[in-house]
Amino acid sequence: MALPSAIRQELDQLLAKVNDLVNQNAQLQSELASLRDQHSKLGQEKAGLLAKNEQARTRVEAMIARLRALETSGE
């Protein structure tokens, strides 16, 4: 028994919409995975930069301390 053409047309439209949603979902899943990877890499980069910043701060503080020591010993 064949479906009336109006119902068949509606079913075809719904199937097309479902297929579009499935494709869009796959694309969004891929994009999400990429963004998570990027977020992880940026977190690692941030940690490295914070460590370098702390090392630089320590060196600058040590230089300031040495300069102050030289200043007081030279007076």
N, C-alpha and C. Protein backbone atom coordinates (compact mmCIF):
# COMPACT_ATOMS: atom_id res chain seq x y z
N MET A 1 0.85 -1.18 0.00
CA MET A 1 0.00 0.00 0.00
C MET A 1 0.89 1.24 0.00
N ALA A 2 0.67 2.09 -0.94
CA ALA A 2 1.49 3.29 -1.10
C ALA A 2 0.97 4.40 -0.21
N LEU A 3 1.90 5.21 0.28
CA LEU A 3 1.53 6.36 1.11
C LEU A 3 1.02 7.48 0.22
N PRO A 4 0.08 8.26 0.73
CA PRO A 4 -0.35 9.44 -0.04
C PRO A 4 0.86 10.35 -0.27
N SER A 5 0.86 11.06 -1.38
CA SER A 5 2.02 11.85 -1.77
C SER A 5 2.34 12.95 -0.75
N ALA A 6 1.34 13.53 -0.12
CA ALA A 6 1.58 14.59 0.86
C ALA A 6 2.33 14.03 2.07
N ILE A 7 1.93 12.85 2.53
CA ILE A 7 2.60 12.23 3.67
C ILE A 7 4.01 11.82 3.27
N ARG A 8 4.15 11.25 2.07
CA ARG A 8 5.47 10.84 1.59
C ARG A 8 6.40 12.06 1.50
N GLN A 9 5.86 13.17 1.03
CA GLN A 9 6.66 14.40 0.91
C GLN A 9 7.09 14.90 2.29
N GLU A 10 6.17 14.85 3.25
CA GLU A 10 6.50 15.26 4.63
C GLU A 10 7.59 14.36 5.22
N LEU A 11 7.45 13.05 4.99
CA LEU A 11 8.46 12.12 5.50
C LEU A 11 9.82 12.38 4.87
N ASP A 12 9.84 12.66 3.58
CA ASP A 12 11.10 12.97 2.90
C ASP A 12 11.72 14.24 3.47
N GLN A 13 10.89 15.25 3.74
CA GLN A 13 11.40 16.49 4.32
C GLN A 13 11.95 16.26 5.72
N LEU A 14 11.23 15.46 6.51
CA LEU A 14 11.71 15.15 7.86
C LEU A 14 13.02 14.37 7.81
N LEU A 15 13.10 13.42 6.89
CA LEU A 15 14.32 12.64 6.74
C LEU A 15 15.49 13.54 6.35
N ALA A 16 15.25 14.47 5.46
CA ALA A 16 16.30 15.41 5.05
C ALA A 16 16.74 16.26 6.24
N LYS A 17 15.79 16.72 7.05
CA LYS A 17 16.13 17.52 8.23
C LYS A 17 16.93 16.70 9.24
N VAL A 18 16.52 15.45 9.44
CA VAL A 18 17.24 14.58 10.37
C VAL A 18 18.67 14.36 9.87
N ASN A 19 18.82 14.11 8.58
CA ASN A 19 20.16 13.92 8.01
C ASN A 19 21.01 15.18 8.17
N ASP A 20 20.40 16.34 7.95
CA ASP A 20 21.12 17.60 8.16
C ASP A 20 21.57 17.74 9.60
N LEU A 21 20.69 17.39 10.53
CA LEU A 21 21.03 17.48 11.96
C LEU A 21 22.15 16.51 12.32
N VAL A 22 22.11 15.32 11.76
CA VAL A 22 23.16 14.34 12.02
C VAL A 22 24.50 14.86 11.50
N ASN A 23 24.49 15.42 10.30
CA ASN A 23 25.73 15.98 9.74
C ASN A 23 26.23 17.16 10.56
N GLN A 24 25.31 18.02 10.96
CA GLN A 24 25.69 19.18 11.78
C GLN A 24 26.26 18.72 13.12
N ASN A 25 25.66 17.69 13.70
CA ASN A 25 26.14 17.16 14.97
C ASN A 25 27.56 16.62 14.82
N ALA A 26 27.82 15.91 13.75
CA ALA A 26 29.17 15.37 13.52
C ALA A 26 30.17 16.51 13.37
N GLN A 27 29.78 17.55 12.65
CA GLN A 27 30.66 18.70 12.45
C GLN A 27 30.94 19.39 13.79
N LEU A 28 29.90 19.55 14.61
CA LEU A 28 30.07 20.21 15.91
C LEU A 28 30.92 19.36 16.85
N GLN A 29 30.76 18.04 16.79
CA GLN A 29 31.59 17.16 17.62
C GLN A 29 33.06 17.30 17.24
N SER A 30 33.32 17.38 15.95
CA SER A 30 34.70 17.56 15.48
C SER A 30 35.25 18.90 15.93
N GLU A 31 34.43 19.93 15.80
CA GLU A 31 34.85 21.27 16.23
C GLU A 31 35.11 21.31 17.73
N LEU A 32 34.26 20.64 18.50
CA LEU A 32 34.43 20.59 19.95
C LEU A 32 35.74 19.90 20.32
N ALA A 33 36.03 18.80 19.65
CA ALA A 33 37.29 18.09 19.93
C ALA A 33 38.49 18.98 19.62
N SER A 34 38.40 19.71 18.52
CA SER A 34 39.48 20.62 18.14
C SER A 34 39.64 21.73 19.17
N LEU A 35 38.52 22.29 19.63
CA LEU A 35 38.58 23.36 20.63
C LEU A 35 39.11 22.85 21.96
N ARG A 36 38.75 21.65 22.34
CA ARG A 36 39.28 21.07 23.58
C ARG A 36 40.79 20.88 23.49
N ASP A 37 41.25 20.41 22.34
CA ASP A 37 42.68 20.22 22.13
C ASP A 37 43.40 21.57 22.19
N GLN A 38 42.82 22.56 21.54
CA GLN A 38 43.41 23.91 21.56
C GLN A 38 43.44 24.46 22.98
N HIS A 39 42.38 24.24 23.73
CA HIS A 39 42.30 24.72 25.12
C HIS A 39 43.40 24.07 25.96
N SER A 40 43.59 22.78 25.76
CA SER A 40 44.62 22.06 26.50
C SER A 40 46.02 22.61 26.17
N LYS A 41 46.27 22.83 24.88
CA LYS A 41 47.58 23.36 24.48
C LYS A 41 47.79 24.76 25.04
N LEU A 42 46.75 25.57 25.03
CA LEU A 42 46.88 26.92 25.57
C LEU A 42 47.13 26.88 27.08
N GLY A 43 46.51 25.94 27.77
CA GLY A 43 46.75 25.78 29.20
C GLY A 43 48.20 25.41 29.48
N GLN A 44 48.75 24.52 28.66
CA GLN A 44 50.15 24.14 28.81
C GLN A 44 51.07 25.32 28.52
N GLU A 45 50.73 26.06 27.48
CA GLU A 45 51.54 27.24 27.13
C GLU A 45 51.49 28.27 28.26
N LYS A 46 50.32 28.46 28.83
CA LYS A 46 50.17 29.41 29.94
C LYS A 46 51.03 28.99 31.12
N ALA A 47 51.00 27.70 31.44
CA ALA A 47 51.81 27.21 32.57
C ALA A 47 53.29 27.46 32.31
N GLY A 48 53.73 27.21 31.09
CA GLY A 48 55.13 27.46 30.75
C GLY A 48 55.50 28.93 30.86
N LEU A 49 54.60 29.80 30.39
CA LEU A 49 54.86 31.24 30.47
C LEU A 49 54.87 31.73 31.91
N LEU A 50 53.98 31.18 32.74
CA LEU A 50 53.98 31.56 34.15
C LEU A 50 55.28 31.14 34.83
N ALA A 51 55.78 29.97 34.48
CA ALA A 51 57.05 29.50 35.05
C ALA A 51 58.20 30.41 34.62
N LYS A 52 58.22 30.76 33.32
CA LYS A 52 59.28 31.67 32.84
C LYS A 52 59.17 33.03 33.51
N ASN A 53 57.96 33.50 33.70
CA ASN A 53 57.75 34.79 34.36
C ASN A 53 58.28 34.75 35.80
N GLU A 54 58.03 33.66 36.49
CA GLU A 54 58.50 33.52 37.87
C GLU A 54 60.03 33.47 37.90
N GLN A 55 60.63 32.77 36.95
CA GLN A 55 62.09 32.71 36.88
C GLN A 55 62.67 34.11 36.63
N ALA A 56 62.05 34.84 35.72
CA ALA A 56 62.53 36.20 35.43
C ALA A 56 62.38 37.09 36.65
N ARG A 57 61.26 36.96 37.36
CA ARG A 57 61.04 37.76 38.57
C ARG A 57 62.11 37.46 39.61
N THR A 58 62.43 36.20 39.77
CA THR A 58 63.45 35.80 40.74
C THR A 58 64.81 36.38 40.37
N ARG A 59 65.15 36.32 39.07
CA ARG A 59 66.44 36.88 38.63
C ARG A 59 66.50 38.39 38.83
N VAL A 60 65.41 39.08 38.51
CA VAL A 60 65.38 40.54 38.68
C VAL A 60 65.50 40.90 40.15
N GLU A 61 64.78 40.18 41.00
CA GLU A 61 64.87 40.45 42.44
C GLU A 61 66.29 40.21 42.95
N ALA A 62 66.95 39.17 42.44
CA ALA A 62 68.33 38.89 42.84
C ALA A 62 69.26 40.01 42.37
N MET A 63 69.04 40.50 41.15
CA MET A 63 69.87 41.61 40.64
C MET A 63 69.67 42.86 41.48
N ILE A 64 68.42 43.14 41.83
CA ILE A 64 68.13 44.32 42.66
C ILE A 64 68.82 44.19 44.01
N ALA A 65 68.77 43.00 44.59
CA ALA A 65 69.42 42.77 45.88
C ALA A 65 70.93 42.98 45.76
N ARG A 66 71.53 42.48 44.68
CA ARG A 66 72.98 42.67 44.49
C ARG A 66 73.32 44.15 44.30
N LEU A 67 72.50 44.86 43.54
CA LEU A 67 72.74 46.30 43.34
C LEU A 67 72.63 47.07 44.64
N ARG A 68 71.64 46.72 45.45
CA ARG A 68 71.49 47.39 46.75
C ARG A 68 72.69 47.09 47.64
N ALA A 69 73.15 45.84 47.59
CA ALA A 69 74.32 45.47 48.39
C ALA A 69 75.55 46.24 47.93
N LEU A 70 75.72 46.39 46.64
CA LEU A 70 76.85 47.17 46.12
C LEU A 70 76.73 48.63 46.51
N GLU A 71 75.50 49.13 46.46
CA GLU A 71 75.25 50.53 46.80
C GLU A 71 75.60 50.80 48.26
N THR A 72 75.19 49.91 49.15
CA THR A 72 75.46 50.12 50.58
C THR A 72 76.93 49.88 50.91
N SER A 73 77.58 48.97 50.20
CA SER A 73 79.00 48.72 50.48
C SER A 73 79.89 49.83 49.91
N GLY A 74 79.39 50.54 48.91
CA GLY A 74 80.17 51.60 48.31
C GLY A 74 80.02 52.93 49.02
N GLU A 75 79.12 53.04 49.93
CA GLU A 75 78.91 54.32 50.62
C GLU A 75 79.86 54.55 51.73
